[in-house]
Protein backbone atom coordinates (compact mmCIF):
# COMPACT_ATOMS: atom_id res chain seq x y z
CA MET A 1 26.65 -18.20 69.49
CA LYS A 2 23.08 -18.58 68.45
CA ALA A 3 23.34 -15.43 66.37
CA ASN A 4 26.14 -16.94 64.26
CA ILE A 5 24.15 -20.15 63.58
CA ARG A 6 21.17 -18.18 62.30
CA LYS A 7 23.45 -16.17 60.05
CA TYR A 8 24.40 -19.34 58.08
CA GLU A 9 20.88 -20.71 57.92
CA ILE A 10 19.57 -17.89 55.71
CA GLY A 11 19.77 -18.50 51.89
CA PHE A 12 20.46 -21.57 49.77
CA THR A 13 23.24 -23.99 49.80
CA LEU A 14 25.28 -24.76 46.68
CA ILE A 15 23.66 -28.18 46.44
CA GLU A 16 20.16 -26.67 46.63
CA LEU A 17 21.04 -24.28 43.78
CA LEU A 18 22.49 -27.14 41.66
CA ILE A 19 19.38 -29.26 42.18
CA SER A 20 17.17 -26.28 41.22
CA MET A 21 19.19 -25.66 38.04
CA VAL A 22 18.93 -29.32 37.02
CA ILE A 23 15.15 -29.26 37.59
CA VAL A 24 14.81 -26.04 35.52
CA SER A 25 17.07 -27.46 32.75
CA VAL A 26 15.03 -30.68 32.51
CA SER A 27 11.81 -28.67 32.43
CA LEU A 28 13.05 -26.30 29.72
CA THR A 29 14.38 -29.19 27.65
CA THR A 30 11.06 -30.95 27.85
CA ILE A 31 9.14 -27.76 26.88
CA PHE A 32 11.42 -27.05 23.95
CA GLY A 33 11.14 -30.68 22.79
CA ILE A 34 7.36 -30.39 22.83
CA LEU A 35 7.49 -27.07 20.96
CA ILE A 36 9.79 -28.47 18.26
CA SER A 37 7.63 -31.60 17.87
CA SER A 38 4.47 -29.50 17.67
CA ARG A 39 6.10 -27.25 14.99
CA LYS A 40 7.10 -30.26 12.94
CA THR A 41 3.63 -31.77 13.21
CA HIS A 42 2.08 -28.40 12.15
CA TYR A 43 4.51 -28.28 9.17
CA ILE A 44 3.63 -31.78 8.05
CA HIS A 45 -0.07 -31.00 8.33
CA GLU A 46 0.33 -27.81 6.32
CA SER A 47 2.39 -29.57 3.65
CA SER A 48 -0.25 -32.32 3.37
CA ILE A 49 -2.99 -29.78 2.95
CA ASP A 50 -0.96 -27.97 0.28
CA ALA A 51 -0.30 -31.19 -1.63
CA GLN A 52 -3.89 -32.29 -1.46
CA GLY A 53 -5.07 -28.85 -2.49
CA SER A 54 -2.73 -28.77 -5.51
CA ALA A 55 -3.98 -32.23 -6.62
CA ARG A 56 -7.58 -31.20 -6.14
CA ILE A 57 -7.12 -27.96 -8.19
CA GLY A 58 -5.42 -29.93 -10.98
CA LEU A 59 -8.17 -32.56 -11.06
CA ASP A 60 -10.95 -29.95 -11.01
CA PHE A 61 -9.38 -28.09 -13.87
CA MET A 62 -9.08 -31.24 -15.93
CA LEU A 63 -12.64 -32.39 -15.10
CA ARG A 64 -14.17 -29.15 -16.22
CA ASP A 65 -12.59 -29.47 -19.64
CA ILE A 66 -13.08 -33.22 -20.05
CA ARG A 67 -16.80 -32.83 -19.38
CA MET A 68 -16.91 -30.80 -22.61
CA ALA A 69 -15.11 -33.43 -24.66
CA ARG A 70 -16.96 -34.35 -27.92
CA LEU A 71 -19.41 -31.43 -27.59
CA ASP A 72 -20.81 -31.19 -31.14
CA PRO A 73 -24.42 -30.09 -31.24
CA THR A 74 -24.37 -29.41 -34.98
CA ARG A 75 -22.82 -32.89 -35.63
CA VAL A 76 -20.62 -31.44 -38.32
CA ALA A 77 -17.52 -30.40 -36.30
CA ASN A 78 -16.34 -34.03 -35.82
CA ALA A 79 -15.48 -33.24 -32.21
CA GLY A 80 -14.15 -36.19 -30.22
CA ILE A 81 -11.25 -37.80 -28.46
CA GLU A 82 -8.20 -37.75 -30.68
CA GLU A 83 -5.63 -39.50 -28.47
CA ALA A 84 -6.03 -41.55 -25.32
CA THR A 85 -2.97 -43.14 -23.62
CA SER A 86 -2.26 -43.84 -19.99
CA THR A 87 -0.49 -40.48 -19.55
CA LYS A 88 -2.00 -38.31 -22.29
CA LEU A 89 -5.55 -37.28 -23.29
CA ARG A 90 -6.30 -35.04 -26.29
CA PHE A 91 -9.85 -34.13 -27.31
CA THR A 92 -11.87 -31.50 -29.14
CA SER A 93 -15.18 -29.85 -28.55
CA ASP A 94 -17.20 -27.24 -30.41
CA ARG A 95 -17.50 -24.79 -27.53
CA ASN A 96 -18.73 -21.89 -29.55
CA LEU A 97 -21.29 -24.07 -31.32
CA ASN A 98 -20.46 -22.91 -34.82
CA GLY A 99 -19.86 -26.42 -36.34
CA VAL A 100 -16.06 -26.04 -36.72
CA ILE A 101 -13.17 -27.03 -34.43
CA GLU A 102 -11.08 -23.86 -34.26
CA ASN A 103 -7.82 -22.78 -32.72
CA ALA A 104 -9.68 -20.62 -30.26
CA ASN A 105 -12.00 -20.99 -27.31
CA ASP A 106 -10.13 -24.04 -25.97
CA GLU A 107 -11.67 -26.30 -28.63
CA ARG A 108 -8.60 -28.60 -28.81
CA ILE A 109 -7.12 -29.50 -25.45
CA THR A 110 -4.39 -31.99 -24.30
CA TYR A 111 -3.50 -33.06 -20.79
CA GLU A 112 -0.13 -34.79 -20.50
CA LEU A 113 2.43 -35.79 -17.96
CA SER A 114 5.95 -34.64 -18.90
CA GLY A 115 8.58 -35.47 -16.30
CA THR A 116 7.13 -34.11 -13.02
CA SER A 117 4.79 -31.55 -14.70
CA LEU A 118 1.17 -31.77 -15.69
CA LEU A 119 0.97 -29.97 -19.02
CA PHE A 120 -2.10 -28.23 -20.40
CA ARG A 121 -1.75 -27.88 -24.18
CA ARG A 122 -4.06 -25.80 -26.37
CA TYR A 123 -4.38 -26.53 -30.05
CA GLU A 124 -1.65 -29.22 -30.10
CA GLY A 125 -0.54 -30.03 -33.62
CA THR A 126 -1.54 -26.65 -35.01
CA ILE A 127 0.32 -23.38 -35.62
CA ALA A 128 -1.52 -21.83 -32.63
CA ALA A 129 -0.24 -24.42 -30.17
CA THR A 130 0.58 -23.26 -26.65
CA VAL A 131 1.82 -25.15 -23.57
CA GLN A 132 1.26 -24.27 -19.96
CA THR A 133 2.40 -26.10 -16.83
CA LEU A 134 -0.77 -26.75 -14.85
CA LEU A 135 1.00 -28.46 -11.90
CA ASP A 136 4.53 -29.18 -10.81
CA ASN A 137 5.70 -31.96 -8.47
CA VAL A 138 3.45 -34.52 -10.16
CA ASN A 139 4.59 -37.97 -9.24
CA GLY A 140 2.15 -39.72 -11.53
CA LEU A 141 -0.79 -39.18 -13.87
CA THR A 142 -2.76 -42.13 -15.19
CA PHE A 143 -5.80 -42.17 -17.43
CA ALA A 144 -7.98 -45.31 -17.74
CA TYR A 145 -10.97 -45.67 -20.09
CA TRP A 146 -14.21 -47.64 -20.14
CA ASP A 147 -16.93 -48.16 -22.77
CA SER A 148 -20.72 -47.86 -22.25
CA THR A 149 -20.94 -51.43 -20.83
CA GLY A 150 -18.31 -50.74 -18.18
CA THR A 151 -15.62 -52.77 -20.01
CA ALA A 152 -12.10 -51.42 -19.70
CA ILE A 153 -10.56 -50.29 -22.99
CA ALA A 154 -6.88 -51.17 -23.48
CA VAL A 155 -4.40 -48.31 -23.62
CA PRO A 156 -3.24 -46.79 -25.76
CA VAL A 157 -6.76 -46.68 -27.16
CA SER A 158 -6.79 -47.51 -30.87
CA ALA A 159 -8.35 -45.06 -33.30
CA ALA A 160 -11.28 -47.44 -33.79
CA ASN A 161 -12.03 -47.44 -30.07
CA LEU A 162 -11.71 -43.70 -29.36
CA SER A 163 -15.48 -43.11 -30.03
CA ASN A 164 -16.36 -45.94 -27.63
CA ILE A 165 -14.91 -44.17 -24.58
CA ARG A 166 -17.70 -43.20 -22.16
CA THR A 167 -15.92 -43.08 -18.82
CA ILE A 168 -12.45 -41.76 -17.96
CA GLN A 169 -10.65 -42.37 -14.67
CA ILE A 170 -7.91 -40.00 -13.66
CA THR A 171 -5.36 -40.80 -10.96
CA LEU A 172 -3.11 -37.87 -10.03
CA SER A 173 -0.23 -38.19 -7.55
CA ILE A 174 1.51 -35.16 -6.12
CA ARG A 175 4.85 -35.18 -4.19
CA LYS A 176 5.93 -32.26 -2.08
CA GLN A 177 9.46 -32.42 -0.85
CA GLU A 178 10.99 -29.82 1.40
CA GLU A 179 12.07 -30.88 4.87
CA ILE A 180 9.99 -33.99 4.50
CA THR A 181 8.35 -35.79 1.59
CA ILE A 182 4.56 -35.71 1.35
CA ASN A 183 2.74 -37.88 -1.22
CA ARG A 184 -0.93 -37.44 -2.05
CA GLN A 185 -2.92 -39.32 -4.67
CA LEU A 186 -6.49 -38.54 -5.84
CA THR A 187 -8.56 -40.64 -8.19
CA THR A 188 -11.82 -39.71 -9.85
CA ARG A 189 -14.01 -41.02 -12.62
CA ILE A 190 -15.96 -38.92 -15.00
CA LYS A 191 -18.74 -39.97 -17.41
CA LEU A 192 -18.53 -38.07 -20.64
CA ARG A 193 -21.66 -36.03 -21.35
CA ASN A 194 -21.29 -35.98 -25.13
C-alpha cells in the first residue's frame, strides 16, 4: 500500500499549477506594464529633445542674420530695419560692402510667422523674392523691440522709430504632436551690432 501512496505524491496538483500560472501571469503583466511605461517615457523625452532642437535651430538661424541687420560700413546703402511688427521682421544689410542693397547675398531678409510656419523670405517686395519654410509646427513667434535706453518700443514699430531699435527679443514656440503633444518655448534677446 505504501507504494501506491508514493505514486500519487510525485508531481504537482492542479491547484499548485493554477497558483503557479497566476503568479507567472501577474509577473509578466507587471513586466510588460513597466516596459510600456518605459517606452512611452522614452518617446516623450525624444519628442521633447526634437522640439527643443527645432526651436534652437530656428532661433540660431534668425540670430545669425539679425546680427547683420543695418550693416552699412560705407553709409550710403541706407541699410536698416524696414518693418518691425510682433510677428514679422524685415531688414537689410550691405553684406558685400559695396554700398548698395542688392537682390543677392541675403541683403534683404524677412522672418515672418504664417499659420504654423516660420517663413524665411529673401528680397521681399522685389522681383527676385523667394520664400522658404524655415520651421513647421510653430505655435507662436513674437518679436519685441527696445531702444538704446532699454525702453520698449510699441509694435508695430512706426517708420520714425525703426532706426531707434537697438535690442530685439524673439520668442519662438514649437508644438510637436504625434501620440502626445509637446510644447517648447525659447526666448532670446539680441543687441544689434550696427
